[in-house]
Amino acid sequence: MRNVVILAGGSGTRLWPMSRDDRPKQVLPLAAGQSLLRVAYNRLLGLVAPENIYVCTVGAITDVVRKELPELGPHNIIGEPARRDTANAIGLASAVVARNDPDAVVAFVGSDHLISPEDEFRTAIEQGFEVVEARGRSLVTFGIEPTHPHTGLGYIERGEPIEGTAAYVVDRFREKPDRETAEQYLATGRFWWNSGMFVWRASTVLNVLDTLLPDSAARLREVAAVWDTPAREATLAEIYPNLRKISVDYAVMEPASQGKVDADVVVVPMPVHWLDVGSWAALADTYDADPNGNRTDSTTLSCLLDSHDNIIVTDDPDHLVAAVGLRSHIIVHTQDVTMVCPLSDGERVKELVAQVQSDHADYI
């Protein structure tokens, strides 16, 4: 049976101070008044049965997720007691889904993406399902055609098309490049952005994890074995925080693409406008710009004199943000924090959050 898991365990630190531990970016109303999680869920309707849509998130915000998506059944929220990166989140979700359906095919999508047109998204996921149903040992990822030499994303180099499918062989995964390298990638026409979305049989990825991450795989199977019993929470709390923290790209996709396991890695194109809302600069791409290039959300009140190319956001519609002679800065105001940084240092907000965690933990 076809299933979809929305990965919603990220902390969203680069969108601090709005994104906090108890209210991370995926549940904030950042998409025209809707949460990114709600948008991600609605995008899946009609693709699989509602009872086959799961959300994998951090246990501390399961109540927030449940409030945001009240239509989810109680067994459709998979709560991690700690963040141990995507390999473990995907392994856990795959094991839980396979417990009830050993032949389950599972798609994994993000909770922090804005995608249009949505019909093309659903078509690509359908094609991914079809590839996996026809080729049981395939691990499918999705490639986004790049529109510019992005240096904050990983890339997929595609090889030959696979006859009878919409997929291509993956030649290589490439890490986030510098600008010159990214420009070279675009010039070849062979590179797509790595979307971080996947489809595979739950049993296939669990077998791959048995080979590539055996200790974690064994412990995740222990958790899944007691998932529907009163021992679930205690077992999770004992096992999960001690798992090796590693991404699915490093743990699974890259070694599998190098022939290290009995699985093949393929890529299906997803011809959409795709925005990974991972930073203030990325989110500002959804805002309208004034004649001077300043971008604000629809509720922000601002007064800007001789100021250009700034991003200004506040969660208080009665709070005025005023600036004179400001160039290429980010200003984010909340009830208890005001954050200012040059636009060129937007990726360093994550470093700032680490410093605030050390010095002023109450504001995280």
Protein backbone atom coordinates (compact mmCIF):
# COMPACT_ATOMS: atom_id res chain seq x y z
CA MET A 1 0.00 0.00 0.00
CA ARG A 2 1.13 3.55 -0.70
CA ASN A 3 1.96 5.81 2.26
CA VAL A 4 3.45 9.27 2.76
CA VAL A 5 5.43 10.49 5.76
CA ILE A 6 5.88 14.23 6.31
CA LEU A 7 9.21 14.86 8.00
CA ALA A 8 8.54 17.65 10.50
CA GLY A 9 11.29 17.30 13.07
CA GLY A 10 13.53 20.21 12.07
CA SER A 11 14.33 22.97 14.52
CA GLY A 12 14.30 25.84 12.02
CA THR A 13 17.14 27.64 13.76
CA ARG A 14 17.91 29.87 10.77
CA LEU A 15 14.41 31.35 11.12
CA TRP A 16 15.00 32.35 14.72
CA PRO A 17 13.71 34.30 16.62
CA MET A 18 10.28 33.42 15.24
CA SER A 19 11.10 29.73 15.08
CA ARG A 20 11.54 28.39 18.62
CA ASP A 21 11.99 24.98 20.24
CA ASP A 22 8.32 24.81 21.25
CA ARG A 23 7.02 26.36 18.02
CA PRO A 24 9.38 25.60 15.13
CA LYS A 25 9.03 26.98 11.63
CA GLN A 26 6.84 24.17 10.28
CA VAL A 27 3.91 25.17 12.52
CA LEU A 28 4.28 28.94 12.04
CA PRO A 29 1.80 30.72 9.71
CA LEU A 30 4.49 31.54 7.15
CA ALA A 31 2.59 30.53 3.99
CA ALA A 32 -0.07 33.20 3.38
CA GLY A 33 -1.41 32.73 6.91
CA GLN A 34 -1.17 28.94 6.87
CA SER A 35 1.52 26.84 8.49
CA LEU A 36 4.06 25.13 6.30
CA LEU A 37 2.90 21.82 7.83
CA ARG A 38 -0.72 22.46 6.86
CA VAL A 39 0.35 23.34 3.31
CA ALA A 40 2.45 20.15 3.11
CA TYR A 41 -0.48 18.03 4.32
CA ASN A 42 -3.01 19.61 1.95
CA ARG A 43 -0.63 19.01 -0.96
CA LEU A 44 -0.93 15.24 -0.34
CA LEU A 45 -4.72 15.02 -0.40
CA GLY A 46 -5.84 12.82 -3.25
CA LEU A 47 -2.40 11.25 -3.59
CA VAL A 48 -2.90 8.60 -0.89
CA ALA A 49 -5.70 7.78 1.53
CA PRO A 50 -5.76 10.18 4.52
CA GLU A 51 -5.20 7.29 6.92
CA ASN A 52 -1.91 6.60 5.12
CA ILE A 53 -0.48 10.07 5.77
CA TYR A 54 1.92 10.22 8.73
CA VAL A 55 3.89 13.02 10.38
CA CYS A 56 7.26 12.27 11.96
CA THR A 57 8.18 15.01 14.40
CA VAL A 58 9.85 15.70 17.72
CA GLY A 59 7.82 14.39 20.63
CA ALA A 60 7.90 17.75 22.40
CA ILE A 61 5.68 19.31 19.73
CA THR A 62 3.34 16.42 18.99
CA ASP A 63 0.51 18.30 20.69
CA VAL A 64 1.19 21.32 18.47
CA VAL A 65 1.16 19.08 15.39
CA ARG A 66 -2.06 17.42 16.54
CA LYS A 67 -3.68 20.84 16.97
CA GLU A 68 -2.46 21.94 13.55
CA LEU A 69 -3.67 18.73 11.85
CA PRO A 70 -6.62 17.51 13.93
CA GLU A 71 -7.68 15.13 11.15
CA LEU A 72 -4.60 12.95 11.77
CA GLY A 73 -5.31 9.75 13.63
CA PRO A 74 -3.47 9.21 16.93
CA HIS A 75 -1.29 6.51 15.35
CA ASN A 76 -0.33 8.75 12.44
CA ILE A 77 1.96 11.00 14.48
CA ILE A 78 5.39 9.45 15.04
CA GLY A 79 7.13 11.32 17.84
CA GLU A 80 10.92 11.24 18.24
CA PRO A 81 12.13 11.89 21.81
CA ALA A 82 15.23 13.65 20.41
CA ARG A 83 16.50 14.93 17.08
CA ARG A 84 18.84 12.31 15.59
CA ASP A 85 18.79 13.54 11.98
CA THR A 86 16.98 12.17 8.97
CA ALA A 87 18.43 8.65 8.73
CA ASN A 88 16.94 7.72 12.08
CA ALA A 89 13.67 9.57 11.51
CA ILE A 90 13.21 7.78 8.19
CA GLY A 91 14.29 4.45 9.64
CA LEU A 92 11.86 4.78 12.52
CA ALA A 93 8.95 5.80 10.31
CA SER A 94 9.70 3.03 7.81
CA ALA A 95 9.79 0.43 10.60
CA VAL A 96 6.53 1.69 12.11
CA VAL A 97 4.68 1.70 8.78
CA ALA A 98 6.09 -1.73 7.84
CA ARG A 99 4.86 -3.15 11.15
CA ASN A 100 1.27 -2.90 9.88
CA ASP A 101 2.05 -3.45 6.20
CA PRO A 102 5.24 -5.40 5.38
CA ASP A 103 4.84 -4.54 1.67
CA ALA A 104 4.39 -0.82 2.29
CA VAL A 105 5.72 1.70 -0.21
CA VAL A 106 6.56 4.96 1.52
CA ALA A 107 7.20 8.46 0.22
CA PHE A 108 9.02 10.95 2.45
CA VAL A 109 8.39 14.65 1.91
CA GLY A 110 9.40 17.78 3.78
CA SER A 111 7.28 20.03 5.95
CA ASP A 112 9.12 23.23 5.01
CA HIS A 113 8.80 23.37 1.22
CA LEU A 114 6.65 25.65 -0.91
CA ILE A 115 5.90 23.91 -4.20
CA SER A 116 3.95 24.91 -7.29
CA PRO A 117 2.21 23.75 -9.33
CA GLU A 118 1.02 21.10 -6.91
CA ASP A 119 -0.34 18.89 -9.69
CA GLU A 120 3.21 18.44 -11.00
CA PHE A 121 4.37 17.55 -7.48
CA ARG A 122 1.70 14.87 -7.17
CA THR A 123 2.48 13.53 -10.65
CA ALA A 124 6.17 13.15 -9.78
CA ILE A 125 5.39 11.36 -6.50
CA GLU A 126 3.01 9.04 -8.40
CA GLN A 127 5.84 8.30 -10.84
CA GLY A 128 8.12 7.55 -7.89
CA PHE A 129 5.55 5.10 -6.50
CA GLU A 130 5.30 3.41 -9.89
CA VAL A 131 9.09 3.03 -10.17
CA VAL A 132 9.31 1.39 -6.74
CA GLU A 133 6.33 -0.88 -7.37
CA ALA A 134 7.98 -2.07 -10.59
CA ARG A 135 11.55 -2.17 -9.22
CA GLY A 136 11.36 -3.28 -5.60
CA ARG A 137 15.02 -2.62 -4.79
CA SER A 138 15.03 0.98 -6.06
CA LEU A 139 15.56 3.95 -3.82
CA VAL A 140 13.92 6.94 -5.55
CA THR A 141 14.82 10.55 -4.98
CA PHE A 142 13.51 13.62 -6.78
CA GLY A 143 15.48 16.22 -8.70
CA ILE A 144 14.48 19.85 -9.11
CA GLU A 145 15.73 21.60 -12.24
CA PRO A 146 17.92 24.47 -10.99
CA THR A 147 16.99 28.03 -11.86
CA HIS A 148 20.23 29.57 -10.63
CA PRO A 149 23.63 28.45 -9.25
CA HIS A 150 22.43 27.84 -5.68
CA THR A 151 25.25 27.32 -3.17
CA GLY A 152 23.07 26.26 -0.26
CA LEU A 153 21.72 23.04 -1.75
CA GLY A 154 23.12 19.66 -2.67
CA TYR A 155 23.04 18.46 -6.28
CA ILE A 156 22.28 15.20 -8.07
CA GLU A 157 24.14 14.28 -11.25
CA ARG A 158 21.85 12.17 -13.38
CA GLY A 159 22.94 9.44 -15.73
CA GLU A 160 21.07 7.38 -18.32
CA PRO A 161 17.27 7.14 -18.41
CA ILE A 162 15.74 3.89 -17.17
CA GLU A 163 13.62 2.34 -19.89
CA GLY A 164 9.91 2.18 -19.22
CA THR A 165 10.02 4.60 -16.28
CA ALA A 166 10.24 8.32 -15.58
CA ALA A 167 13.51 7.77 -13.70
CA TYR A 168 17.21 8.17 -14.42
CA VAL A 169 20.24 6.45 -12.93
CA VAL A 170 21.98 8.61 -10.31
CA ASP A 171 25.63 9.02 -11.21
CA ARG A 172 26.66 10.97 -8.12
CA PHE A 173 25.46 13.11 -5.26
CA ARG A 174 27.33 16.36 -4.82
CA GLU A 175 27.61 18.45 -1.66
CA LYS A 176 26.76 22.14 -1.50
CA PRO A 177 29.14 23.76 -4.03
CA ASP A 178 30.79 27.16 -4.21
CA ARG A 179 29.35 29.52 -6.80
CA GLU A 180 31.88 28.72 -9.52
CA THR A 181 31.22 24.98 -9.17
CA ALA A 182 27.45 25.54 -9.12
CA GLU A 183 27.72 27.51 -12.36
CA GLN A 184 29.66 24.61 -13.89
CA TYR A 185 26.93 22.20 -12.80
CA LEU A 186 24.24 24.28 -14.49
CA ALA A 187 26.28 24.56 -17.68
CA THR A 188 26.36 20.76 -18.13
CA GLY A 189 22.57 20.38 -17.98
CA ARG A 190 23.04 17.11 -16.05
CA PHE A 191 22.54 18.40 -12.51
CA TRP A 192 19.39 18.81 -10.47
CA TRP A 193 18.90 20.20 -7.01
CA ASN A 194 18.56 17.49 -4.38
CA SER A 195 15.01 17.88 -3.06
CA GLY A 196 15.43 15.67 0.01
CA MET A 197 12.26 13.75 -0.92
CA PHE A 198 12.22 9.99 -1.42
CA VAL A 199 10.12 6.91 -2.24
CA TRP A 200 10.98 3.27 -1.51
CA ARG A 201 9.66 0.06 -0.06
CA ALA A 202 9.92 0.19 3.71
CA SER A 203 11.45 -3.27 3.72
CA THR A 204 14.12 -2.23 1.18
CA VAL A 205 15.36 0.75 3.15
CA LEU A 206 15.33 -1.24 6.38
CA ASN A 207 17.47 -3.92 4.74
CA VAL A 208 19.83 -1.21 3.49
CA LEU A 209 20.09 0.20 7.00
CA ASP A 210 20.85 -3.31 8.30
CA THR A 211 23.97 -3.20 6.13
CA LEU A 212 25.01 0.44 6.35
CA LEU A 213 23.88 1.40 9.86
CA PRO A 214 23.45 -1.96 11.58
CA ASP A 215 23.45 -0.87 15.23
CA SER A 216 20.83 1.80 14.65
CA ALA A 217 18.75 -0.49 12.43
CA ALA A 218 18.62 -3.18 15.10
CA ARG A 219 17.58 -0.69 17.78
CA LEU A 220 14.92 0.87 15.55
CA ARG A 221 13.43 -2.57 14.97
CA GLU A 222 13.27 -2.97 18.78
CA VAL A 223 11.28 0.24 18.99
CA ALA A 224 8.92 -0.77 16.17
CA ALA A 225 8.29 -4.14 17.82
CA VAL A 226 6.70 -2.46 20.85
CA TRP A 227 5.15 0.49 19.00
CA ASP A 228 1.54 -0.47 19.73
CA THR A 229 2.20 -1.50 23.32
CA PRO A 230 2.50 0.36 26.63
CA ALA A 231 6.29 -0.11 26.41
CA ARG A 232 6.62 2.28 23.48
CA GLU A 233 7.53 5.50 25.31
CA ALA A 234 10.02 3.90 27.70
CA THR A 235 11.69 1.99 24.87
CA LEU A 236 11.89 5.09 22.70
CA ALA A 237 13.34 7.15 25.54
CA GLU A 238 15.97 4.51 26.27
CA ILE A 239 17.05 3.81 22.68
CA TYR A 240 16.42 6.74 20.39
CA PRO A 241 18.52 9.54 21.96
CA ASN A 242 21.58 7.26 21.83
CA LEU A 243 21.40 6.48 18.11
CA ARG A 244 24.16 7.77 15.88
CA LYS A 245 23.13 11.16 14.51
CA ILE A 246 23.46 11.08 10.71
CA SER A 247 21.54 12.25 7.65
CA VAL A 248 19.90 9.87 5.19
CA ASP A 249 22.07 11.30 2.41
CA TYR A 250 25.28 10.26 4.17
CA ALA A 251 23.94 7.05 5.70
CA VAL A 252 21.94 5.67 2.77
CA MET A 253 21.78 7.54 -0.51
CA GLU A 254 25.47 8.20 -1.15
CA PRO A 255 26.79 4.71 -0.28
CA ALA A 256 23.85 3.06 -2.07
CA SER A 257 24.61 5.10 -5.20
CA GLN A 258 28.17 3.74 -5.01
CA GLY A 259 26.97 0.13 -5.15
CA LYS A 260 27.65 -0.72 -1.50
CA VAL A 261 24.26 -2.40 -0.93
CA ASP A 262 21.71 -4.48 -2.80
CA ALA A 263 19.69 -1.48 -3.97
CA ASP A 264 19.89 1.01 -6.78
CA VAL A 265 19.44 4.77 -6.50
CA VAL A 266 17.41 6.54 -9.17
CA VAL A 267 16.10 10.06 -9.61
CA VAL A 268 12.72 11.20 -10.93
CA PRO A 269 12.45 14.79 -12.20
CA MET A 270 9.99 17.05 -10.39
CA PRO A 271 9.31 20.02 -12.71
CA VAL A 272 8.09 22.50 -10.11
CA HIS A 273 8.95 25.81 -8.58
CA TRP A 274 10.41 24.61 -5.30
CA LEU A 275 11.41 26.72 -2.33
CA ASP A 276 13.10 25.20 0.70
CA VAL A 277 12.07 27.64 3.44
CA GLY A 278 15.24 27.26 5.45
CA SER A 279 16.32 30.85 6.00
CA TRP A 280 15.01 34.40 6.10
CA ALA A 281 16.38 35.05 2.63
CA ALA A 282 14.52 32.01 1.29
CA LEU A 283 11.27 32.97 3.00
CA ALA A 284 11.58 36.54 1.71
CA ASP A 285 11.35 35.17 -1.83
CA THR A 286 7.64 34.73 -1.09
CA TYR A 287 7.21 38.42 -0.12
CA ASP A 288 6.50 41.29 -2.49
CA ALA A 289 9.29 43.85 -2.83
CA ASP A 290 8.80 47.62 -2.72
CA PRO A 291 10.44 49.84 -5.38
CA ASN A 292 13.68 49.82 -3.36
CA GLY A 293 13.85 46.03 -3.08
CA ASN A 294 12.77 45.88 0.56
CA ARG A 295 10.72 42.80 1.38
CA THR A 296 8.21 42.49 4.23
CA ASP A 297 5.40 40.10 5.00
CA SER A 298 1.81 41.27 4.68
CA THR A 299 1.37 42.08 8.39
CA THR A 300 4.61 44.02 8.97
CA LEU A 301 4.35 47.76 9.53
CA SER A 302 7.46 49.60 8.42
CA CYS A 303 8.77 53.07 7.61
CA LEU A 304 11.96 53.04 5.56
CA LEU A 305 13.96 56.10 4.52
CA ASP A 306 16.72 55.74 1.92
CA SER A 307 16.82 51.99 2.65
CA HIS A 308 17.29 49.27 0.07
CA ASP A 309 17.19 45.47 -0.29
CA ASN A 310 16.26 44.68 3.30
CA ILE A 311 14.10 41.93 4.80
CA ILE A 312 11.91 43.17 7.65
CA VAL A 313 9.47 40.99 9.60
CA THR A 314 7.54 41.39 12.85
CA ASP A 315 4.88 39.21 14.42
CA ASP A 316 3.20 42.25 16.00
CA PRO A 317 1.02 44.14 13.48
CA ASP A 318 1.01 47.19 15.80
CA HIS A 319 4.80 47.40 16.04
CA LEU A 320 6.45 49.83 13.62
CA VAL A 321 9.93 49.00 12.31
CA ALA A 322 11.68 52.16 11.10
CA ALA A 323 15.08 52.44 9.42
CA VAL A 324 17.23 55.11 7.79
CA GLY A 325 20.00 54.44 5.26
CA LEU A 326 19.87 50.67 5.79
CA ARG A 327 21.27 48.42 3.09
CA SER A 328 20.87 44.65 2.70
CA HIS A 329 19.97 43.73 6.27
CA ILE A 330 17.54 41.37 7.98
CA ILE A 331 15.45 42.69 10.88
CA VAL A 332 13.13 40.29 12.69
CA HIS A 333 11.11 41.50 15.67
CA THR A 334 9.15 39.35 18.11
CA GLN A 335 7.65 40.11 21.51
CA ASP A 336 10.87 39.26 23.34
CA VAL A 337 13.67 39.37 20.74
CA THR A 338 14.86 41.69 17.99
CA MET A 339 17.40 40.17 15.62
CA VAL A 340 19.46 42.22 13.14
CA CYS A 341 22.08 40.93 10.74
CA PRO A 342 23.51 41.68 7.30
CA LEU A 343 21.75 39.77 4.56
CA SER A 344 25.12 38.29 3.58
CA ASP A 345 25.33 36.65 7.04
CA GLY A 346 21.83 35.18 6.98
CA GLU A 347 23.15 31.62 7.08
CA ARG A 348 25.01 32.49 10.30
CA VAL A 349 21.79 32.90 12.28
CA LYS A 350 22.31 29.26 13.22
CA GLU A 351 25.62 30.25 14.87
CA LEU A 352 23.85 33.10 16.64
CA VAL A 353 21.25 30.70 18.01
CA ALA A 354 24.03 28.54 19.46
CA GLN A 355 25.44 31.61 21.22
CA VAL A 356 22.02 32.62 22.53
CA GLN A 357 21.50 29.04 23.73
CA SER A 358 24.70 29.37 25.74
CA ASP A 359 24.10 32.85 27.14
CA HIS A 360 20.31 33.33 27.14
CA ALA A 361 18.69 29.90 26.88
CA ASP A 362 15.22 31.18 27.80
CA TYR A 363 15.01 32.89 24.41
CA ILE A 364 15.41 29.67 22.41
